[in-house]
Amino acid sequence: MIATIQPSLLGGTIHANASKSSMQRACAAALAAGRTCILHNPGKSNDDFAALAIIRNLGAEIIDEGDRIRIESRGVHPSANSIDCGESGLSIRMFTPLAALSDRIITVTGSGSLTNRPMDFFDQILPRLQVTVTSNGGRLPLQVQGPLVPADIEVDGSLSSQFLTGLLLAYAASKAAGVTIFVQNLKSKPYIDLTLEVMKRFGLPVPENRNYEAFHFSAEAVRTTGTMPVHYTVEGDWSGAAFLLVAGALAGPVTVNGLDPFSTQADKAILQALADTGCRLSIEQHQVEVGPAALQPFHFNATECPDLFPPLVALAACCNGKSVIEGTSRLTHKESNRALTLQEEFGKMGIQIELQDDLMIVQGGTGIRPATVHSRHDHRIAMACAVAAVRASGPVQVEAAEAIRKSYPDFFAHLQLLGAGVSLMQ
């Protein structure tokens, strides 16, 4: 699909789409909790559908009740020999340890860029938990056979916090007691906060967080399964909303409601970057309004929230001077190598981006040219280019724009509702 975006002035209100970070964790927690769980405001992205299909294959019953989803679970009791994670990095890292709770051989597959992402973490860690693992040289497909037995282990948290999320959920599901997961150099700590919050909401045992360096499951933390259904409302998505909020700063005003300013989602940090530019910013209990101003360059550390790089680059491109974003080392193993992809695709629109050690330096204020760019099959690249395009001097075409379906299938429809000139061609 090719999306053509015209220079536009925006205005209006959009309700935030459901957070796939929240939705996918809720699916995993519902499976692990072994009880009836009801998800309100369920997500409808490809990653969300992948998570639902996975827990069905691992033994849960899924009942679609329209504006909510009922999940009936007795724990991990696979009904199939494989799980397909689609293109979801979170799903493969979170559900592989859960699948390993079974003594059945489970094949873990994926597609797209996921087939090239390193998964040797599992080759190194799961055998220490009495799980048999085979992989394709640290790549997909994986085969795991448990049952996983919790033990004191030490893991490297520098590549992704998602591996730790999977272990925390698997330990909780197995009612681990008296064991500790030690972690070195943990990145994206807010995502672990989100995991722990979801575990608590679903009645799972929550470990003691010792300064993100150790997570201890005490005997006292073990909870018995309750009989009442768990009701969980999937949060509005700060990751997707970040693009609309940036669009508001470039060509608004735009209001996004359904956002919790007290959320543990890491990408809530977009508010700080927006504030630093001097744009018009109003934050209320359930909504954020952003309007344009003379945007000043900013310096932002995105190490803990690397998914913000694409919307931050769109924002920086329209600031008057050089903006600096820290944390490019976190971008290598995403849907694309996002540092190089952002440099190349925004370069087509006339924006100069310099990569220097762990820094990305964006020269803004030079104008955005009409161009044809490519998403590289990366949902966040497609959205970043589209947002920047509203300030271009002519139309911008985004090729492979269907990538947005991974996280935010309504993105282009929402841009149109805000007044953007968007046309889609298959």
Protein backbone atom coordinates (compact mmCIF):
# COMPACT_ATOMS: atom_id res chain seq x y z
CA MET A 1 0.00 0.00 0.00
CA ILE A 2 1.18 3.52 -0.85
CA ALA A 3 0.04 6.41 1.33
CA THR A 4 0.26 9.91 -0.13
CA ILE A 5 0.21 12.71 2.44
CA GLN A 6 -0.37 16.32 1.45
CA PRO A 7 0.86 19.36 3.42
CA SER A 8 -1.97 20.00 5.86
CA LEU A 9 -3.27 22.01 8.77
CA LEU A 10 -4.69 19.80 11.48
CA GLY A 11 -7.33 20.16 14.15
CA GLY A 12 -9.62 17.94 16.18
CA THR A 13 -9.81 15.23 18.82
CA ILE A 14 -8.90 11.55 18.56
CA HIS A 15 -9.34 8.79 21.12
CA ALA A 16 -6.07 6.94 21.63
CA ASN A 17 -5.83 3.43 20.23
CA ALA A 18 -5.33 0.56 22.66
CA SER A 19 -1.76 -0.02 23.82
CA LYS A 20 -0.29 -3.22 22.40
CA SER A 21 2.25 -3.20 25.25
CA SER A 22 -0.66 -3.33 27.69
CA MET A 23 -2.82 -5.67 25.59
CA GLN A 24 -0.14 -8.29 24.94
CA ARG A 25 0.93 -8.37 28.57
CA ALA A 26 -2.71 -8.72 29.59
CA CYS A 27 -3.08 -11.74 27.30
CA ALA A 28 0.00 -13.36 28.81
CA ALA A 29 -1.10 -12.59 32.37
CA ALA A 30 -4.58 -13.96 31.70
CA LEU A 31 -3.05 -17.23 30.47
CA ALA A 32 -0.69 -17.40 33.45
CA ALA A 33 -3.40 -16.56 35.99
CA GLY A 34 -5.42 -19.67 35.17
CA ARG A 35 -8.81 -18.04 35.71
CA THR A 36 -11.52 -16.06 33.93
CA CYS A 37 -10.24 -12.69 32.74
CA ILE A 38 -12.17 -10.03 30.84
CA LEU A 39 -10.28 -7.49 28.74
CA HIS A 40 -12.02 -4.18 28.11
CA ASN A 41 -10.93 -1.86 25.27
CA PRO A 42 -9.03 -4.72 23.59
CA GLY A 43 -6.45 -3.89 20.94
CA LYS A 44 -6.96 -4.69 17.26
CA SER A 45 -3.42 -4.53 15.87
CA ASN A 46 -1.64 -7.44 14.22
CA ASP A 47 0.52 -7.88 17.33
CA ASP A 48 -2.60 -8.05 19.51
CA PHE A 49 -4.17 -10.70 17.28
CA ALA A 50 -0.92 -12.68 17.40
CA ALA A 51 -0.97 -12.65 21.22
CA LEU A 52 -4.56 -13.90 21.31
CA ALA A 53 -3.76 -16.70 18.86
CA ILE A 54 -0.75 -17.71 20.96
CA ILE A 55 -2.65 -18.02 24.23
CA ARG A 56 -5.35 -20.01 22.42
CA ASN A 57 -2.68 -22.47 21.24
CA LEU A 58 -1.30 -22.61 24.78
CA GLY A 59 -4.68 -23.64 26.18
CA ALA A 60 -6.84 -20.57 26.74
CA GLU A 61 -10.35 -20.18 25.39
CA ILE A 62 -11.05 -16.81 23.75
CA ILE A 63 -14.59 -15.44 23.53
CA ASP A 64 -15.06 -12.22 21.56
CA GLU A 65 -17.87 -10.25 23.22
CA GLY A 66 -17.67 -7.18 20.99
CA ASP A 67 -16.23 -4.37 23.05
CA ARG A 68 -14.52 -6.84 25.37
CA ILE A 69 -12.78 -10.21 25.24
CA ARG A 70 -13.34 -13.02 27.74
CA ILE A 71 -10.38 -15.32 28.35
CA GLU A 72 -10.93 -18.65 30.11
CA SER A 73 -7.65 -20.18 31.27
CA ARG A 74 -6.50 -23.14 33.33
CA GLY A 75 -2.87 -22.17 32.92
CA VAL A 76 -0.47 -23.41 30.24
CA HIS A 77 -1.91 -26.59 28.70
CA PRO A 78 -1.02 -26.44 24.99
CA SER A 79 -3.67 -27.45 22.47
CA ALA A 80 -1.21 -27.20 19.56
CA ASN A 81 2.43 -28.02 18.89
CA SER A 82 3.44 -24.52 17.80
CA ILE A 83 2.91 -20.83 18.39
CA ASP A 84 3.30 -18.15 15.72
CA CYS A 85 4.43 -14.76 16.99
CA GLY A 86 3.98 -12.99 13.66
CA GLU A 87 6.30 -9.97 13.65
CA SER A 88 5.98 -9.28 17.39
CA GLY A 89 9.26 -9.11 19.27
CA LEU A 90 7.42 -8.80 22.58
CA SER A 91 5.35 -11.91 21.88
CA ILE A 92 8.30 -14.14 21.11
CA ARG A 93 10.29 -12.95 24.12
CA MET A 94 7.33 -13.08 26.49
CA PHE A 95 5.54 -16.25 25.40
CA THR A 96 8.56 -18.53 24.83
CA PRO A 97 9.24 -18.93 28.60
CA LEU A 98 5.50 -19.43 29.18
CA ALA A 99 5.36 -22.13 26.49
CA ALA A 100 8.33 -23.78 28.24
CA LEU A 101 6.16 -24.39 31.32
CA SER A 102 4.76 -27.41 29.45
CA ASP A 103 6.47 -30.77 29.02
CA ARG A 104 5.27 -30.78 25.42
CA ILE A 105 7.66 -29.87 22.57
CA ILE A 106 6.53 -26.46 21.30
CA THR A 107 7.86 -24.88 18.11
CA VAL A 108 8.05 -21.07 18.19
CA THR A 109 7.89 -19.32 14.83
CA GLY A 110 7.58 -15.79 13.47
CA SER A 111 7.74 -13.85 10.24
CA GLY A 112 9.24 -10.77 8.61
CA SER A 113 12.09 -9.08 10.42
CA LEU A 114 11.52 -11.28 13.48
CA THR A 115 13.25 -14.16 11.72
CA ASN A 116 16.50 -12.16 11.76
CA ARG A 117 16.40 -10.98 15.36
CA PRO A 118 18.81 -12.66 17.81
CA MET A 119 17.15 -15.16 20.16
CA ASP A 120 20.27 -16.81 21.58
CA PHE A 121 19.19 -15.46 24.99
CA PHE A 122 16.92 -18.49 25.21
CA ASP A 123 19.73 -20.88 24.21
CA GLN A 124 21.77 -19.52 27.11
CA ILE A 125 19.13 -19.07 29.83
CA LEU A 126 16.37 -21.65 29.46
CA PRO A 127 18.64 -24.73 29.85
CA ARG A 128 19.54 -23.38 33.31
CA LEU A 129 15.84 -23.73 34.12
CA GLN A 130 15.74 -27.38 32.94
CA VAL A 131 14.24 -26.49 29.55
CA THR A 132 15.48 -28.19 26.38
CA VAL A 133 16.04 -25.61 23.63
CA THR A 134 17.01 -25.84 19.99
CA SER A 135 17.29 -22.91 17.60
CA ASN A 136 18.53 -22.00 14.17
CA GLY A 137 21.88 -20.61 15.31
CA GLY A 138 20.18 -18.24 17.75
CA ARG A 139 17.44 -17.41 15.23
CA LEU A 140 13.94 -18.74 14.57
CA PRO A 141 12.46 -21.26 14.60
CA LEU A 142 12.90 -22.28 18.23
CA GLN A 143 11.84 -25.49 19.92
CA VAL A 144 11.34 -25.61 23.68
CA GLN A 145 10.38 -28.41 26.02
CA GLY A 146 9.95 -28.02 29.75
CA PRO A 147 8.63 -27.96 32.29
CA LEU A 148 10.53 -24.84 33.29
CA VAL A 149 11.77 -25.01 36.90
CA PRO A 150 12.42 -21.59 38.49
CA ALA A 151 15.89 -21.10 39.97
CA ASP A 152 18.28 -18.32 40.89
CA ILE A 153 19.71 -17.02 37.62
CA GLU A 154 21.50 -13.96 36.27
CA VAL A 155 20.47 -12.40 32.96
CA ASP A 156 21.71 -9.58 30.73
CA GLY A 157 19.05 -6.89 30.35
CA SER A 158 20.94 -4.71 27.88
CA LEU A 159 19.39 -6.01 24.64
CA SER A 160 15.73 -5.89 25.67
CA SER A 161 13.65 -5.85 28.83
CA GLN A 162 11.17 -8.12 27.04
CA PHE A 163 13.20 -11.25 27.84
CA LEU A 164 12.92 -10.39 31.53
CA THR A 165 9.16 -9.82 31.15
CA GLY A 166 8.80 -13.39 29.86
CA LEU A 167 10.79 -14.85 32.73
CA LEU A 168 8.87 -12.86 35.35
CA LEU A 169 5.55 -14.12 33.98
CA ALA A 170 6.78 -17.72 33.72
CA TYR A 171 8.12 -17.67 37.27
CA ALA A 172 4.83 -16.21 38.52
CA ALA A 173 2.77 -18.80 36.61
CA SER A 174 4.81 -21.63 38.15
CA LYS A 175 4.31 -20.17 41.65
CA ALA A 176 8.04 -19.69 42.13
CA ALA A 177 9.09 -19.18 45.75
CA GLY A 178 12.44 -18.36 47.30
CA VAL A 179 14.17 -17.66 43.98
CA THR A 180 15.68 -14.54 42.45
CA ILE A 181 16.29 -13.29 38.92
CA PHE A 182 19.41 -11.11 38.96
CA VAL A 183 19.71 -8.59 36.12
CA GLN A 184 22.69 -6.71 34.72
CA ASN A 185 22.40 -3.44 32.78
CA LEU A 186 18.61 -3.45 32.43
CA LYS A 187 17.23 -1.16 29.71
CA SER A 188 13.67 0.14 29.28
CA LYS A 189 12.88 -0.09 33.00
CA PRO A 190 9.41 1.51 32.60
CA TYR A 191 8.33 -1.52 30.59
CA ILE A 192 9.21 -3.74 33.56
CA ASP A 193 7.11 -1.45 35.74
CA LEU A 194 4.23 -2.08 33.32
CA THR A 195 4.80 -5.85 33.49
CA LEU A 196 4.76 -5.85 37.29
CA GLU A 197 1.63 -3.69 37.36
CA VAL A 198 -0.19 -6.06 34.99
CA MET A 199 0.90 -9.08 37.05
CA LYS A 200 -0.51 -7.44 40.15
CA ARG A 201 -3.82 -6.64 38.42
CA PHE A 202 -4.25 -10.28 37.37
CA GLY A 203 -3.54 -11.66 40.84
CA LEU A 204 -0.16 -13.16 39.97
CA PRO A 205 2.64 -13.26 42.55
CA VAL A 206 4.69 -10.10 42.16
CA PRO A 207 8.41 -10.25 42.98
CA GLU A 208 10.21 -7.73 45.12
CA ASN A 209 11.97 -5.28 42.79
CA ARG A 210 15.42 -4.59 44.22
CA ASN A 211 16.42 -1.50 42.27
CA TYR A 212 15.99 -3.30 38.93
CA GLU A 213 19.07 -5.39 39.75
CA ALA A 214 17.20 -8.33 41.28
CA PHE A 215 13.61 -9.58 41.33
CA HIS A 216 12.95 -11.86 44.29
CA PHE A 217 9.96 -14.18 44.51
CA SER A 218 9.39 -14.78 48.21
CA ALA A 219 7.23 -17.54 49.63
CA GLU A 220 4.86 -14.84 50.87
CA ALA A 221 4.38 -13.57 47.30
CA VAL A 222 2.66 -16.77 46.16
CA ARG A 223 -1.07 -16.16 45.79
CA THR A 224 -3.83 -18.67 45.37
CA THR A 225 -6.01 -18.33 42.29
CA GLY A 226 -9.15 -16.36 43.01
CA THR A 227 -12.62 -17.34 41.86
CA MET A 228 -13.89 -13.94 40.76
CA PRO A 229 -13.19 -12.86 37.15
CA VAL A 230 -10.40 -10.36 36.61
CA HIS A 231 -11.52 -7.23 34.77
CA TYR A 232 -8.75 -5.30 33.04
CA THR A 233 -9.07 -2.22 30.83
CA VAL A 234 -6.32 -1.99 28.22
CA GLU A 235 -4.66 1.43 28.45
CA GLY A 236 -4.61 4.03 25.73
CA ASP A 237 -1.37 3.79 23.80
CA TRP A 238 1.27 6.45 24.45
CA SER A 239 3.47 4.95 21.69
CA GLY A 240 0.89 5.52 18.96
CA ALA A 241 -0.37 8.76 20.51
CA ALA A 242 3.18 10.16 20.37
CA PHE A 243 2.83 10.49 16.58
CA LEU A 244 -0.47 12.37 16.83
CA LEU A 245 0.87 14.63 19.58
CA VAL A 246 3.91 15.47 17.44
CA ALA A 247 1.54 16.14 14.53
CA GLY A 248 -0.26 18.59 16.80
CA ALA A 249 3.00 20.40 17.54
CA LEU A 250 3.77 20.62 13.81
CA ALA A 251 0.38 21.58 12.38
CA GLY A 252 -2.28 21.37 15.10
CA PRO A 253 -3.91 21.88 17.48
CA VAL A 254 -4.62 18.20 18.17
CA THR A 255 -6.23 16.65 21.25
CA VAL A 256 -5.75 12.98 22.13
CA ASN A 257 -7.99 11.60 24.85
CA GLY A 258 -7.96 8.23 26.58
CA LEU A 259 -4.37 8.72 27.82
CA ASP A 260 -3.35 8.24 31.45
CA PRO A 261 -0.68 10.79 32.48
CA PHE A 262 0.22 8.49 35.39
CA SER A 263 0.74 5.45 33.16
CA THR A 264 3.87 3.33 33.54
CA GLN A 265 4.24 3.21 29.74
CA ALA A 266 7.74 4.39 28.83
CA ASP A 267 6.60 6.44 25.84
CA LYS A 268 4.70 8.85 28.06
CA ALA A 269 8.09 10.60 28.06
CA ILE A 270 7.12 12.21 24.74
CA LEU A 271 5.53 14.91 26.91
CA GLN A 272 8.95 16.05 28.13
CA ALA A 273 10.34 16.38 24.61
CA LEU A 274 7.26 18.31 23.50
CA ALA A 275 7.55 20.63 26.49
CA ASP A 276 11.22 21.27 25.68
CA THR A 277 10.33 22.49 22.17
CA GLY A 278 8.09 25.22 23.59
CA CYS A 279 4.98 24.02 21.77
CA ARG A 280 1.55 24.65 23.26
CA LEU A 281 0.91 21.80 25.67
CA SER A 282 -2.03 21.14 27.96
CA ILE A 283 -2.15 17.95 30.06
CA GLU A 284 -5.35 16.91 31.81
CA GLN A 285 -6.43 13.74 33.59
CA HIS A 286 -7.46 11.81 30.47
CA GLN A 287 -6.33 13.92 27.55
CA VAL A 288 -3.45 15.89 26.10
CA GLU A 289 -3.73 18.88 23.76
CA VAL A 290 -0.79 20.04 21.65
CA GLY A 291 -0.57 23.08 19.41
CA PRO A 292 2.13 24.63 17.22
CA ALA A 293 4.61 27.36 18.14
CA ALA A 294 8.11 28.39 17.11
CA LEU A 295 9.69 25.03 17.94
CA GLN A 296 13.05 25.07 19.69
CA PRO A 297 15.59 22.24 19.34
CA PHE A 298 15.76 19.77 22.21
CA HIS A 299 18.11 17.25 23.84
CA PHE A 300 16.40 14.01 24.84
CA ASN A 301 17.66 10.69 26.22
CA ALA A 302 15.57 7.89 24.66
CA THR A 303 17.58 4.99 26.08
CA GLU A 304 14.65 3.87 28.23
CA CYS A 305 12.05 4.56 25.51
CA PRO A 306 13.68 3.75 22.14
CA ASP A 307 10.33 3.49 20.33
CA LEU A 308 10.12 7.29 20.60
CA PHE A 309 13.00 7.81 18.16
CA PRO A 310 10.77 7.93 15.02
CA PRO A 311 8.27 10.54 16.31
CA LEU A 312 11.13 12.49 17.91
CA VAL A 313 12.90 12.69 14.55
CA ALA A 314 9.72 14.02 12.92
CA LEU A 315 9.51 16.60 15.71
CA ALA A 316 13.20 17.54 15.48
CA ALA A 317 12.95 17.99 11.70
CA CYS A 318 10.67 20.97 12.31
CA CYS A 319 12.63 22.55 15.17
CA ASN A 320 14.80 25.57 14.53
CA GLY A 321 18.28 24.10 14.96
CA LYS A 322 20.07 20.89 15.95
CA SER A 323 18.29 18.46 18.24
CA VAL A 324 20.16 15.62 19.95
CA ILE A 325 18.59 12.26 20.81
CA GLU A 326 20.57 9.79 22.91
CA GLY A 327 20.27 6.01 22.82
CA THR A 328 20.84 4.90 19.22
CA SER A 329 22.40 1.65 20.46
CA ARG A 330 18.85 0.51 21.29
CA LEU A 331 17.74 0.72 17.64
CA THR A 332 19.71 -2.06 15.97
CA HIS A 333 17.34 -4.98 16.59
CA LYS A 334 13.98 -3.39 15.81
CA GLU A 335 11.76 -4.04 12.77
CA SER A 336 14.55 -2.28 10.87
CA ASN A 337 17.87 -0.83 11.98
CA ARG A 338 15.98 2.32 12.89
CA ALA A 339 18.98 4.61 13.24
CA LEU A 340 20.12 4.02 9.66
CA THR A 341 16.56 3.83 8.35
CA LEU A 342 15.61 7.18 9.87
CA GLN A 343 18.79 8.75 8.52
CA GLU A 344 18.14 7.44 5.01
CA GLU A 345 14.38 7.97 4.72
CA PHE A 346 14.35 11.44 6.29
CA GLY A 347 17.37 12.23 4.13
CA LYS A 348 15.11 11.74 1.10
CA MET A 349 12.94 14.54 2.53
CA GLY A 350 15.96 16.82 2.90
CA ILE A 351 16.57 16.33 6.63
CA GLN A 352 20.20 15.81 7.60
CA ILE A 353 20.75 13.29 10.41
CA GLU A 354 24.19 12.58 11.85
CA LEU A 355 24.93 9.42 13.84
CA GLN A 356 27.73 9.86 16.34
CA ASP A 357 28.48 7.16 18.91
CA ASP A 358 25.20 6.76 20.85
CA LEU A 359 23.78 10.04 19.56
CA MET A 360 21.47 11.03 16.75
CA ILE A 361 21.82 14.69 15.72
CA VAL A 362 18.95 16.05 13.64
CA GLN A 363 19.36 19.34 11.76
CA GLY A 364 15.91 20.88 11.83
CA GLY A 365 14.43 23.99 10.33
CA THR A 366 15.74 23.39 6.80
CA GLY A 367 12.35 22.48 5.34
CA ILE A 368 10.85 19.13 4.41
CA ARG A 369 10.90 18.30 0.70
CA PRO A 370 8.36 16.28 -1.28
CA ALA A 371 9.69 12.76 -1.71
CA THR A 372 8.93 9.08 -2.02
CA VAL A 373 10.04 7.21 1.08
CA HIS A 374 9.77 3.58 2.19
CA SER A 375 8.66 2.25 5.57
CA ARG A 376 11.17 -0.62 5.36
CA HIS A 377 8.18 -2.62 6.62
CA ASP A 378 8.56 -0.85 9.97
CA HIS A 379 5.31 0.56 11.40
CA ARG A 380 6.99 3.41 13.29
CA ILE A 381 9.01 4.55 10.26
CA ALA A 382 5.80 4.73 8.19
CA MET A 383 4.08 6.85 10.84
CA ALA A 384 7.08 9.13 11.41
CA CYS A 385 7.39 9.93 7.70
CA ALA A 386 3.65 10.55 7.44
CA VAL A 387 3.66 12.96 10.38
CA ALA A 388 6.62 14.92 9.02
CA ALA A 389 4.86 15.07 5.64
CA VAL A 390 2.14 17.40 6.94
CA ARG A 391 4.85 20.09 7.05
CA ALA A 392 6.43 19.28 3.68
CA SER A 393 6.43 21.69 0.75
CA GLY A 394 4.63 19.13 -1.39
CA PRO A 395 3.19 15.60 -1.27
CA VAL A 396 5.13 12.75 0.35
CA GLN A 397 4.51 9.16 -0.69
CA VAL A 398 5.11 6.41 1.88
CA GLU A 399 5.62 3.00 0.29
CA ALA A 400 4.77 -0.22 2.20
CA ALA A 401 2.51 1.91 4.40
CA GLU A 402 0.53 -1.19 5.44
CA ALA A 403 3.25 -1.70 8.08
CA ILE A 404 1.12 0.41 10.44
CA ARG A 405 -1.18 -2.59 10.96
CA LYS A 406 1.39 -4.07 13.31
CA SER A 407 0.55 -1.57 16.06
CA TYR A 408 -1.88 1.15 14.90
CA PRO A 409 -4.18 0.04 12.07
CA ASP A 410 -6.33 3.19 12.38
CA PHE A 411 -3.39 5.59 12.07
CA PHE A 412 -4.13 6.96 8.57
CA ALA A 413 -7.86 7.12 9.28
CA HIS A 414 -7.09 9.15 12.40
CA LEU A 415 -4.83 11.51 10.45
CA GLN A 416 -7.66 12.05 7.97
CA LEU A 417 -10.11 12.77 10.79
CA LEU A 418 -7.72 15.47 11.99
CA GLY A 419 -7.78 17.09 8.55
CA ALA A 420 -4.71 15.64 6.87
CA GLY A 421 -4.86 15.07 3.14
CA VAL A 422 -4.23 11.33 2.97
CA SER A 423 -4.91 9.02 0.02
CA LEU A 424 -4.24 5.29 0.04
CA MET A 425 -3.53 3.12 -2.98
CA GLN A 426 -3.15 -0.67 -2.87
